[in-house]
C-alpha cells in the first residue's frame, strides 16, 4: 500500500510538473533604446559600418518586422501610446510636456502586473513630465509613480538631453533623480551637466535643430559613469532581485542613441577611421566629413548598447524568455535635410522590431516579415503572451502579433501615426500623409520608393490617379483592400 501511494504521489508530481511547464508563461525582456533608426539594425546581420553581434543573436533567434511604425514620433507621445496600447489622439499626450493620463487610462505594464508578472523598468521611462521641465517627478530612487504606471520595481531617470533643464538642486546638491544622484556621489554631476550645456547650444529646444548634431567630440565622463552604462547596471541589479517564483517583465530604456552626440573617449575611439552611410537627399551646410562624424557617434552609442545587451542576455534563461528589440521612434540623421524625428517620413516614424524566443515558430526564426504593424501592437502582444484576458476598450485598435509569430496567415491592415497637425495611414506598402506643414496630401509606395521621393497623387496620370484614390480610401477605412 505504501509503495502504491508513493507511486501515485510520484505520478501526481510528474503530472503536476508537466502541467506547470505547459502552463508557465515566459518572462519578457524588452530592449528599448531611444531614437534608434529601423534601417541601422533591421538588416540581416552586422554590416561593415555597424558591429552589433548581440543584436545579431536576437535576429537569428527571432522574427524581424521591417514595416513597424510608432504611434507618434516624439519621445513622450510615443512612449505614452506604447504604454496605453492606443493611438495618439486617444491618449492625448500631444507633446513632450504632457504627463501620461493615469486618471483615465491604464498601461499594459499594470495589466501584466495585475496578471501576476513582476514588472520592472529602468532608464528613461518618460511618462511623467511637467510644463517647467524642472522637476519630472522621479524621486531619489527613481520610483515615483511606479504604482500608477504599473511597475513592481522602477528606476526612472532623466533623459540625457533634458538634463540641460535641471535647475535648483536641493541643499545637498541633488536634483532628486537617481542618475544625477549617482554622479553626485562620484563628484561628477558638473562634468555631465556642463557637457550637456555645451552641446545644446543655449537650450534651444526645437526638435530637429541641426546644432544638436554638430558637436561630435568625446565627453569627459568616465565609462563607468556614462548614462547608458549606468542604465545597464540598473537592469542587471533589478533582474538579480526579481522573485524566483514569478514570471517577470523588464523594459530597459537606454537614452542612446538620442542626440546630442555625446560619447565617452573609449566609444569615440572605436569609431574612428570608419565610414558610415551618407544621408539621403541631404540639403544643408554639413560636409560629408561632418555627417560621418555625427553618424560615427550615433553608431558608437548603438554598439555600446549592443555590448550591454550581451551582458543582460547572459544573465537570463533564454529558454524561458521572450526577447524583444524595439525603439520609441526613429531618427532622420540628415535625410531630406531633416534631423531628429517629429516628421512623417520613414526614418522618423519607422522603428526596429525583432521578437525572439519560443513564441516564434522555428521556421520563421531569422526571417523578416513586411507586414505593416504598429508599436502599440507590440504592447497588445505582451498581454497575449502574459495571458491577460480582460483587455480594456482603450486597446481595441491594437492587435496581437502572435498569429504572425506562429506562422498564421496575416490579414493586411492599416496602422496609424500622428503628431500635432499631421496624420498618416500605412498598410506596410502604401503610406498616406495629410496635414504635414503646408504640403498637399502625399501617397508613397514604400516598396518601389523607399526614400519617399514620389508623391503618387501628384505624378499619376488620370487612370493611375483613380487607382491611387481607391488606395487612399482603403487606407482611410472607407473600402476593402485594393489588390
Protein backbone atom coordinates (compact mmCIF):
# COMPACT_ATOMS: atom_id res chain seq x y z
CA UNK A 1 0.00 0.00 0.00
CA UNK A 2 2.85 2.30 0.86
CA UNK A 3 4.57 1.64 -2.46
CA UNK A 4 1.28 2.21 -4.33
CA UNK A 5 0.74 5.53 -2.54
CA UNK A 6 4.31 6.51 -3.29
CA UNK A 7 3.78 5.65 -6.95
CA UNK A 8 0.58 7.68 -7.08
CA UNK A 9 2.29 10.59 -5.39
CA UNK A 10 5.21 10.36 -7.81
CA UNK A 11 2.82 10.21 -10.76
CA UNK A 12 0.94 13.25 -9.46
CA UNK A 13 4.20 15.12 -9.03
CA UNK A 14 5.29 14.34 -12.58
CA UNK A 15 1.90 15.34 -13.99
CA UNK A 16 1.94 18.50 -11.92
CA UNK A 17 5.39 19.34 -13.21
CA UNK A 18 4.32 18.75 -16.79
CA UNK A 19 1.24 20.91 -16.33
CA UNK A 20 3.30 23.71 -14.79
CA UNK A 21 5.72 23.52 -17.70
CA UNK A 22 2.87 23.68 -20.20
CA UNK A 23 1.13 26.49 -18.37
CA UNK A 24 4.20 28.54 -17.49
CA UNK A 25 4.23 31.92 -19.12
CA UNK A 26 7.54 33.23 -20.46
CA UNK A 27 9.48 36.09 -19.00
CA UNK A 28 9.55 39.18 -21.23
CA UNK A 29 12.73 41.19 -21.79
CA UNK A 30 12.46 44.37 -23.85
CA UNK A 31 15.49 46.31 -25.08
CA UNK A 32 14.24 49.81 -25.85
CA UNK A 33 16.90 52.32 -26.96
CA UNK A 34 15.75 55.86 -27.69
CA UNK A 35 15.63 57.17 -31.27
CA UNK A 36 17.04 54.05 -32.95
CA UNK A 37 16.70 54.06 -36.75
CA UNK A 38 14.96 51.00 -38.14
CA UNK A 39 17.37 50.58 -41.06
CA UNK A 40 20.51 50.59 -38.92
CA UNK A 41 19.62 47.33 -37.19
CA UNK A 42 16.96 45.71 -39.39
CA UNK A 43 19.46 44.33 -41.90
CA UNK A 44 20.20 40.63 -41.80
CA UNK A 45 23.40 40.87 -39.77
CA UNK A 46 26.11 43.28 -38.75
CA UNK A 47 27.43 45.39 -41.59
CA UNK A 48 30.79 46.85 -42.45
CA UNK A 49 29.73 50.10 -40.78
CA UNK A 50 27.98 48.76 -37.66
CA UNK A 51 29.01 45.83 -35.47
CA UNK A 52 26.19 44.54 -33.26
CA UNK A 53 26.91 40.86 -32.51
CA UNK A 54 24.40 40.63 -29.66
CA UNK A 55 21.57 42.21 -31.62
CA UNK A 56 22.51 39.69 -34.32
CA UNK A 57 21.81 36.89 -31.84
CA UNK A 58 18.31 38.27 -31.26
CA UNK A 59 17.74 38.50 -35.01
CA UNK A 60 18.92 34.94 -35.57
CA UNK A 61 16.50 33.64 -32.90
CA UNK A 62 13.62 35.88 -33.85
CA UNK A 63 11.31 37.32 -36.45
CA UNK A 64 12.14 40.78 -37.80
CA UNK A 65 9.30 43.18 -38.55
CA UNK A 66 10.62 45.53 -41.23
CA UNK A 67 7.50 47.73 -41.55
CA UNK A 68 6.78 48.78 -37.96
CA UNK A 69 5.78 52.35 -37.16
CA UNK A 70 5.40 54.28 -33.93
CA UNK A 71 2.06 55.83 -32.98
CA UNK A 72 3.81 59.21 -32.74
CA UNK A 73 7.47 60.06 -33.48
CA UNK A 74 8.42 62.05 -30.36
CA UNK A 75 9.61 60.51 -27.09
CA UNK A 76 6.79 61.37 -24.68
CA UNK A 77 3.85 60.78 -27.04
CA UNK A 78 5.43 57.61 -28.47
CA UNK A 79 6.03 56.05 -25.05
CA UNK A 80 2.60 57.07 -23.77
CA UNK A 81 0.89 55.45 -26.79
CA UNK A 82 3.04 52.33 -26.36
CA UNK A 83 2.19 52.10 -22.65
CA UNK A 84 -1.53 52.59 -23.33
CA UNK A 85 -1.59 50.42 -26.49
CA UNK A 86 -3.62 53.21 -28.01
CA UNK A 87 -3.40 55.93 -30.65
CA UNK A 88 -2.04 59.46 -30.32
CA UNK A 89 -5.43 61.17 -30.50
CA UNK A 90 -6.95 58.90 -27.85
CA UNK A 91 -4.04 59.06 -25.40
CA UNK A 92 -3.81 62.84 -25.56
CA UNK A 93 -0.10 63.16 -24.79
CA UNK A 94 0.39 65.69 -27.54
CA UNK A 95 3.97 66.82 -26.85
CA UNK A 96 6.87 66.09 -24.51
CA UNK A 97 5.30 68.41 -21.92
CA UNK A 98 2.35 66.13 -21.08
CA UNK A 99 2.03 63.51 -18.36
CA UNK A 100 0.58 60.07 -19.03
CA UNK A 101 -3.17 60.26 -18.23
CA UNK A 102 -3.32 57.74 -15.37
CA UNK A 103 -6.67 59.23 -14.32
CA UNK A 104 -8.41 57.80 -17.41
CA UNK A 105 -6.08 55.20 -18.92
CA UNK A 106 -4.18 52.18 -17.70
CA UNK A 107 -0.90 50.75 -19.02
CA UNK A 108 -0.05 47.31 -20.31
CA UNK A 109 2.61 47.25 -17.59
CA UNK A 110 -0.11 47.49 -14.96
CA UNK A 111 -2.20 44.79 -16.62
CA UNK A 112 0.79 42.43 -16.66
CA UNK A 113 1.46 43.19 -13.01
CA UNK A 114 -2.17 42.50 -12.09
CA UNK A 115 -1.88 39.21 -14.01
CA UNK A 116 0.98 38.12 -11.75
CA UNK A 117 4.10 39.35 -13.52
CA UNK A 118 6.87 41.07 -11.57
CA UNK A 119 7.17 44.17 -13.75
CA UNK A 120 10.40 46.16 -13.92
CA UNK A 121 11.58 49.24 -15.79
CA UNK A 122 14.89 51.06 -15.80
CA UNK A 123 16.13 54.15 -17.61
CA UNK A 124 14.17 56.82 -19.44
CA UNK A 125 10.55 55.77 -18.93
CA UNK A 126 9.35 59.23 -19.96
CA UNK A 127 5.73 59.01 -18.84
CA UNK A 128 5.88 61.87 -16.35
CA UNK A 129 6.65 65.47 -17.37
CA UNK A 130 5.54 68.95 -16.48
CA UNK A 131 5.41 72.39 -18.01
CA UNK A 132 8.60 73.72 -16.43
CA UNK A 133 10.87 70.81 -17.39
CA UNK A 134 12.41 71.35 -13.95
CA UNK A 135 11.16 68.50 -11.78
CA UNK A 136 9.91 65.47 -13.66
CA UNK A 137 8.87 63.54 -10.56
CA UNK A 138 11.49 60.81 -10.46
CA UNK A 139 12.47 60.69 -6.77
CA UNK A 140 15.92 59.85 -5.42
CA UNK A 141 15.41 56.16 -6.23
CA UNK A 142 13.60 56.80 -9.49
CA UNK A 143 10.49 55.04 -8.20
CA UNK A 144 7.98 57.89 -8.10
CA UNK A 145 4.68 56.94 -9.80
CA UNK A 146 5.72 53.28 -10.07
CA UNK A 147 2.36 52.12 -8.74
CA UNK A 148 0.45 54.34 -11.17
CA UNK A 149 2.47 53.17 -14.16
CA UNK A 150 2.29 49.52 -13.11
CA UNK A 151 5.85 48.65 -12.10
CA UNK A 152 6.86 46.40 -9.23
CA UNK A 153 10.38 47.81 -9.50
CA UNK A 154 11.23 51.07 -11.25
CA UNK A 155 14.38 53.16 -11.71
CA UNK A 156 13.23 56.13 -13.78
CA UNK A 157 15.94 58.59 -14.82
CA UNK A 158 16.39 61.88 -16.61
CA UNK A 159 16.51 61.99 -20.37
CA UNK A 160 20.10 62.97 -21.13
CA UNK A 161 19.11 65.82 -23.45
CA UNK A 162 16.57 67.12 -20.94
CA UNK A 163 19.17 67.24 -18.17
CA UNK A 164 20.07 70.66 -19.55
CA UNK A 165 16.89 71.97 -17.96
CA UNK A 166 17.55 70.64 -14.47
CA UNK A 167 17.60 73.61 -12.11
CA UNK A 168 17.56 74.37 -8.40
CA UNK A 169 19.23 71.39 -6.73
CA UNK A 170 18.40 70.87 -3.07
CA UNK A 171 20.69 71.82 -0.19
CA UNK A 172 22.75 68.66 -0.76
CA UNK A 173 23.24 69.37 -4.45
CA UNK A 174 20.73 66.71 -5.51
CA UNK A 175 18.22 67.07 -8.33
CA UNK A 176 16.10 64.33 -6.72
CA UNK A 177 16.80 61.99 -9.61
CA UNK A 178 18.80 58.74 -9.43
CA UNK A 179 21.35 59.16 -12.22
CA UNK A 180 22.48 62.64 -11.17
CA UNK A 181 22.49 61.43 -7.54
CA UNK A 182 24.83 58.66 -8.71
CA UNK A 183 27.05 61.25 -10.39
CA UNK A 184 26.91 63.43 -7.27
CA UNK A 185 28.29 60.56 -5.20
CA UNK A 186 31.24 60.41 -7.62
CA UNK A 187 31.73 64.20 -7.80
CA UNK A 188 30.81 64.13 -11.49
CA UNK A 189 27.47 65.96 -11.71
CA UNK A 190 29.06 69.14 -13.04
CA UNK A 191 31.08 67.21 -15.65
CA UNK A 192 27.87 65.72 -17.02
CA UNK A 193 25.74 68.88 -16.88
CA UNK A 194 28.49 71.10 -18.29
CA UNK A 195 28.84 68.72 -21.23
CA UNK A 196 25.09 68.84 -21.89
CA UNK A 197 25.02 72.64 -21.63
CA UNK A 198 27.83 72.92 -24.17
CA UNK A 199 26.10 70.63 -26.68
CA UNK A 200 22.56 72.00 -26.64
CA UNK A 201 23.69 75.46 -27.77
CA UNK A 202 21.93 77.75 -25.35
CA UNK A 203 18.99 75.50 -24.56
CA UNK A 204 17.31 75.68 -27.95
CA UNK A 205 14.60 73.03 -27.59
CA UNK A 206 13.33 72.95 -31.16
CA UNK A 207 13.28 69.33 -32.27
CA UNK A 208 15.34 68.82 -35.39
CA UNK A 209 17.75 71.73 -34.95
CA UNK A 210 20.99 70.60 -36.67
CA UNK A 211 23.04 72.32 -33.98
CA UNK A 212 22.30 69.39 -31.68
CA UNK A 213 24.25 67.12 -34.06
CA UNK A 214 27.34 69.16 -34.85
CA UNK A 215 29.38 68.66 -31.65
CA UNK A 216 30.86 65.19 -32.04
CA UNK A 217 33.92 65.43 -29.79
CA UNK A 218 34.10 62.95 -26.87
CA UNK A 219 32.90 63.94 -23.42
CA UNK A 220 34.96 63.83 -20.22
CA UNK A 221 32.71 61.32 -18.47
CA UNK A 222 34.41 58.06 -17.37
CA UNK A 223 32.92 54.92 -18.89
CA UNK A 224 31.59 53.66 -15.56
CA UNK A 225 29.63 56.90 -15.07
CA UNK A 226 28.17 57.16 -18.59
CA UNK A 227 24.36 57.14 -18.55
CA UNK A 228 23.70 54.17 -20.84
CA UNK A 229 26.23 52.11 -18.89
CA UNK A 230 24.53 53.08 -15.63
CA UNK A 231 21.14 52.06 -17.08
CA UNK A 232 22.55 48.63 -17.95
CA UNK A 233 23.81 48.23 -14.38
CA UNK A 234 20.34 49.06 -13.07
CA UNK A 235 18.87 46.41 -15.36
CA UNK A 236 21.23 43.76 -14.04
CA UNK A 237 20.58 44.86 -10.46
CA UNK A 238 16.77 44.66 -10.65
CA UNK A 239 16.99 41.34 -12.51
CA UNK A 240 19.12 39.90 -9.71
CA UNK A 241 16.42 40.86 -7.20
CA UNK A 242 13.43 39.55 -9.16
CA UNK A 243 11.49 36.89 -7.22
CA UNK A 244 12.19 33.35 -8.38
CA UNK A 245 8.57 32.24 -8.07
CA UNK A 246 7.05 34.73 -10.53
CA UNK A 247 7.34 35.45 -14.22
CA UNK A 248 8.94 38.82 -14.84
CA UNK A 249 8.80 41.64 -17.36
CA UNK A 250 11.70 44.07 -17.81
CA UNK A 251 11.99 47.02 -20.19
CA UNK A 252 15.45 48.59 -20.48
CA UNK A 253 15.11 52.20 -21.67
CA UNK A 254 18.50 53.44 -22.80
CA UNK A 255 18.92 57.15 -23.55
CA UNK A 256 21.13 56.44 -26.54
CA UNK A 257 21.37 56.85 -29.43
CA UNK A 258 19.28 60.02 -28.85
CA UNK A 259 21.09 63.29 -29.55
CA UNK A 260 23.23 65.16 -28.54
CA UNK A 261 26.22 63.26 -29.88
CA UNK A 262 27.90 62.76 -26.51
CA UNK A 263 30.07 59.64 -26.23
CA UNK A 264 32.97 58.66 -23.99
CA UNK A 265 36.59 58.63 -25.10
CA UNK A 266 36.60 54.85 -25.50
CA UNK A 267 33.36 54.86 -27.52
CA UNK A 268 34.70 57.66 -29.69
CA UNK A 269 37.92 55.76 -30.33
CA UNK A 270 36.12 52.68 -31.58
CA UNK A 271 34.50 54.53 -34.49
CA UNK A 272 37.49 56.49 -35.74
CA UNK A 273 38.75 55.76 -39.27
CA UNK A 274 35.46 54.10 -40.16
CA UNK A 275 33.00 55.15 -42.83
CA UNK A 276 29.24 55.42 -42.40
CA UNK A 277 26.44 55.88 -44.96
CA UNK A 278 25.82 59.45 -46.02
CA UNK A 279 22.28 60.86 -45.65
CA UNK A 280 19.76 60.52 -48.46
CA UNK A 281 18.84 63.73 -50.33
CA UNK A 282 20.59 65.96 -47.81
CA UNK A 283 20.14 69.72 -48.09
CA UNK A 284 22.14 71.93 -45.72
CA UNK A 285 25.61 73.03 -44.71
CA UNK A 286 27.02 69.83 -43.18
CA UNK A 287 30.01 68.47 -45.10
CA UNK A 288 30.44 64.78 -45.83
CA UNK A 289 33.03 64.61 -43.05
CA UNK A 290 30.64 66.24 -40.57
CA UNK A 291 27.97 63.68 -41.46
CA UNK A 292 30.47 60.87 -40.99
CA UNK A 293 31.43 62.13 -37.54
CA UNK A 294 27.80 62.56 -36.48
CA UNK A 295 26.87 59.11 -37.74
CA UNK A 296 30.00 57.71 -36.16
CA UNK A 297 28.87 58.89 -32.73
CA UNK A 298 25.39 57.53 -33.43
CA UNK A 299 26.99 54.17 -34.28
CA UNK A 300 29.16 54.32 -31.16
CA UNK A 301 26.08 54.66 -28.96
CA UNK A 302 24.37 51.72 -30.69
CA UNK A 303 27.44 49.50 -30.41
CA UNK A 304 27.84 50.40 -26.74
CA UNK A 305 24.22 49.44 -26.10
CA UNK A 306 24.78 46.21 -28.03
CA UNK A 307 27.59 45.26 -25.65
CA UNK A 308 25.24 45.71 -22.69
CA UNK A 309 22.54 43.71 -24.45
CA UNK A 310 25.04 40.85 -24.46
CA UNK A 311 25.63 41.20 -20.71
CA UNK A 312 21.92 41.19 -19.95
CA UNK A 313 21.21 38.24 -22.26
CA UNK A 314 23.90 36.29 -20.40
CA UNK A 315 22.10 36.96 -17.11
CA UNK A 316 18.74 35.41 -18.10
CA UNK A 317 17.47 31.98 -19.06
CA UNK A 318 16.75 32.47 -22.75
CA UNK A 319 14.71 29.27 -22.96
CA UNK A 320 12.18 30.87 -20.61
CA UNK A 321 12.29 34.40 -22.01
CA UNK A 322 10.80 36.31 -24.93
CA UNK A 323 13.40 38.87 -26.03
CA UNK A 324 12.40 41.99 -27.94
CA UNK A 325 14.36 44.80 -29.56
CA UNK A 326 12.39 47.95 -30.40
CA UNK A 327 12.52 51.73 -30.07
CA UNK A 328 10.14 54.62 -29.45
CA UNK A 329 10.76 56.29 -32.84
CA UNK A 330 13.47 56.79 -35.43
CA UNK A 331 15.99 59.48 -36.37
CA UNK A 332 16.28 61.39 -39.66
CA UNK A 333 20.08 61.85 -39.35
CA UNK A 334 20.10 64.44 -42.12
CA UNK A 335 17.95 62.54 -44.64
CA UNK A 336 15.95 65.07 -46.71
CA UNK A 337 17.88 67.77 -44.83
CA UNK A 338 15.97 66.87 -41.65
CA UNK A 339 17.23 65.89 -38.21
CA UNK A 340 15.82 64.07 -35.19
CA UNK A 341 12.18 62.96 -35.53
CA UNK A 342 8.66 64.51 -35.44
CA UNK A 343 8.11 64.21 -39.22
CA UNK A 344 6.03 61.60 -41.12
CA UNK A 345 8.88 60.08 -43.15
CA UNK A 346 10.16 56.53 -42.71
CA UNK A 347 13.44 57.25 -40.87
CA UNK A 348 11.38 59.14 -38.27
CA UNK A 349 8.23 57.03 -37.87
CA UNK A 350 9.64 53.55 -38.52
CA UNK A 351 11.16 51.61 -35.65
CA UNK A 352 13.15 48.40 -35.45
CA UNK A 353 11.24 45.43 -34.11
CA UNK A 354 12.57 41.93 -33.53
CA UNK A 355 10.78 39.35 -31.38
CA UNK A 356 12.73 36.25 -30.36
CA UNK A 357 12.03 33.17 -28.29
CA UNK A 358 9.79 30.15 -28.22
CA UNK A 359 6.77 32.26 -29.21
CA UNK A 360 8.30 32.39 -32.71
CA UNK A 361 7.71 29.38 -34.95
CA UNK A 362 11.03 27.66 -35.64
CA UNK A 363 10.57 28.04 -39.40
CA UNK A 364 10.37 31.83 -39.03
CA UNK A 365 13.43 32.41 -36.88
CA UNK A 366 15.97 34.56 -38.65
CA UNK A 367 13.44 35.72 -41.24
CA UNK A 368 11.68 39.01 -41.95
CA UNK A 369 8.05 39.99 -42.43
CA UNK A 370 6.94 43.16 -44.20
CA UNK A 371 3.51 43.19 -42.55
CA UNK A 372 2.53 46.71 -41.59
CA UNK A 373 2.34 46.81 -37.79
CA UNK A 374 2.40 49.40 -35.02
CA UNK A 375 4.35 49.68 -31.81
CA UNK A 376 1.01 49.57 -29.99
CA UNK A 377 0.54 46.07 -31.44
CA UNK A 378 3.68 45.02 -29.57
CA UNK A 379 2.07 46.12 -26.30
CA UNK A 380 -1.01 44.07 -27.13
CA UNK A 381 1.23 41.10 -27.95
CA UNK A 382 2.75 41.24 -24.47
CA UNK A 383 -0.72 40.99 -22.95
CA UNK A 384 -1.43 37.98 -25.17
CA UNK A 385 1.82 36.31 -24.10
CA UNK A 386 1.04 37.13 -20.48
CA UNK A 387 -2.45 35.60 -20.81
CA UNK A 388 -4.20 38.80 -19.79
CA UNK A 389 -7.86 38.18 -20.57
CA UNK A 390 -9.66 41.41 -19.74
CA UNK A 391 -8.43 43.91 -22.32
CA UNK A 392 -9.70 47.48 -21.80
CA UNK A 393 -11.51 49.23 -24.61
CA UNK A 394 -8.69 51.78 -24.94
CA UNK A 395 -6.62 48.97 -26.52
CA UNK A 396 -9.26 47.85 -29.02
CA UNK A 397 -7.29 49.01 -32.08
CA UNK A 398 -4.07 47.26 -31.06
CA UNK A 399 -3.67 43.71 -32.38
CA UNK A 400 -1.55 40.88 -31.04
CA UNK A 401 1.29 39.77 -33.30
CA UNK A 402 1.07 36.18 -32.04
CA UNK A 403 -0.59 34.89 -35.25
CA UNK A 404 2.29 36.28 -37.33
CA UNK A 405 4.86 34.86 -34.90
CA UNK A 406 3.21 31.45 -35.15
CA UNK A 407 3.09 31.46 -38.95
CA UNK A 408 -0.62 32.05 -39.44
CA UNK A 409 -1.88 33.96 -42.44
CA UNK A 410 -1.74 37.67 -41.76
CA UNK A 411 -4.69 39.84 -42.72
CA UNK A 412 -3.41 43.10 -44.16
CA UNK A 413 -4.48 46.05 -42.06
CA UNK A 414 -3.82 49.77 -41.71
CA UNK A 415 -1.81 51.29 -38.87
CA UNK A 416 -1.58 54.96 -37.94
CA UNK A 417 0.79 57.62 -36.68
CA UNK A 418 0.22 61.27 -35.86
CA UNK A 419 1.79 64.35 -34.31
CA UNK A 420 0.48 67.88 -33.98
CA UNK A 421 -1.27 68.70 -37.30
CA UNK A 422 -0.23 65.71 -39.42
CA UNK A 423 -1.57 62.16 -39.62
CA UNK A 424 -0.56 59.13 -41.63
CA UNK A 425 -2.05 55.76 -42.52
CA UNK A 426 0.17 52.82 -43.55
CA UNK A 427 -0.55 49.26 -44.68
CA UNK A 428 3.03 48.05 -44.98
CA UNK A 429 3.35 49.28 -48.54
CA UNK A 430 1.33 52.43 -49.16
CA UNK A 431 1.52 55.43 -46.87
CA UNK A 432 -0.90 58.36 -46.96
CA UNK A 433 0.04 61.61 -45.17
CA UNK A 434 -2.10 64.69 -44.55
CA UNK A 435 -1.51 67.90 -42.63
CA UNK A 436 2.29 67.98 -42.85
CA UNK A 437 3.34 71.63 -42.92
CA UNK A 438 1.62 73.28 -45.87
CA UNK A 439 2.14 70.30 -48.16
CA UNK A 440 -0.60 68.72 -50.21
CA UNK A 441 -1.67 65.19 -49.16
CA UNK A 442 1.04 62.65 -50.01
CA UNK A 443 0.82 59.00 -51.05
CA UNK A 444 4.01 56.93 -51.18
CA UNK A 445 4.68 53.38 -52.34
CA UNK A 446 7.34 52.25 -49.86
CA UNK A 447 8.08 49.08 -51.85
CA UNK A 448 9.06 50.96 -55.00
CA UNK A 449 10.05 54.27 -53.43
CA UNK A 450 11.62 53.60 -50.00
CA UNK A 451 13.01 57.14 -49.75
CA UNK A 452 9.58 58.69 -50.40
CA UNK A 453 10.63 60.88 -53.31
CA UNK A 454 7.49 60.43 -55.43
CA UNK A 455 4.10 61.67 -54.29
CA UNK A 456 1.84 59.42 -56.36
CA UNK A 457 -1.06 61.85 -56.08
CA UNK A 458 0.92 64.50 -57.94
CA UNK A 459 2.71 62.39 -60.57
CA UNK A 460 0.00 59.96 -61.71
CA UNK A 461 -1.97 60.12 -64.94
CA UNK A 462 -5.76 60.03 -64.85
CA UNK A 463 -6.05 56.23 -64.86
CA UNK A 464 -3.35 55.81 -62.22
CA UNK A 465 -4.87 58.54 -60.08
CA UNK A 466 -8.21 56.74 -59.94
CA UNK A 467 -6.40 53.61 -58.71
CA UNK A 468 -4.41 55.55 -56.12
CA UNK A 469 -7.55 57.27 -54.87
CA UNK A 470 -9.02 53.82 -54.21
CA UNK A 471 -5.90 53.01 -52.20
CA UNK A 472 -6.40 56.18 -50.17
CA UNK A 473 -9.99 55.16 -49.48
CA UNK A 474 -8.73 51.77 -48.25
CA UNK A 475 -6.16 53.40 -46.00
CA UNK A 476 -8.83 55.64 -44.53
CA UNK A 477 -11.07 52.64 -43.82
CA UNK A 478 -13.69 53.54 -46.41
CA UNK A 479 -13.40 50.45 -48.63
CA UNK A 480 -11.84 46.98 -48.77
CA UNK A 481 -8.17 46.49 -49.56
CA UNK A 482 -7.10 47.22 -53.12
CA UNK A 483 -5.13 44.42 -54.76
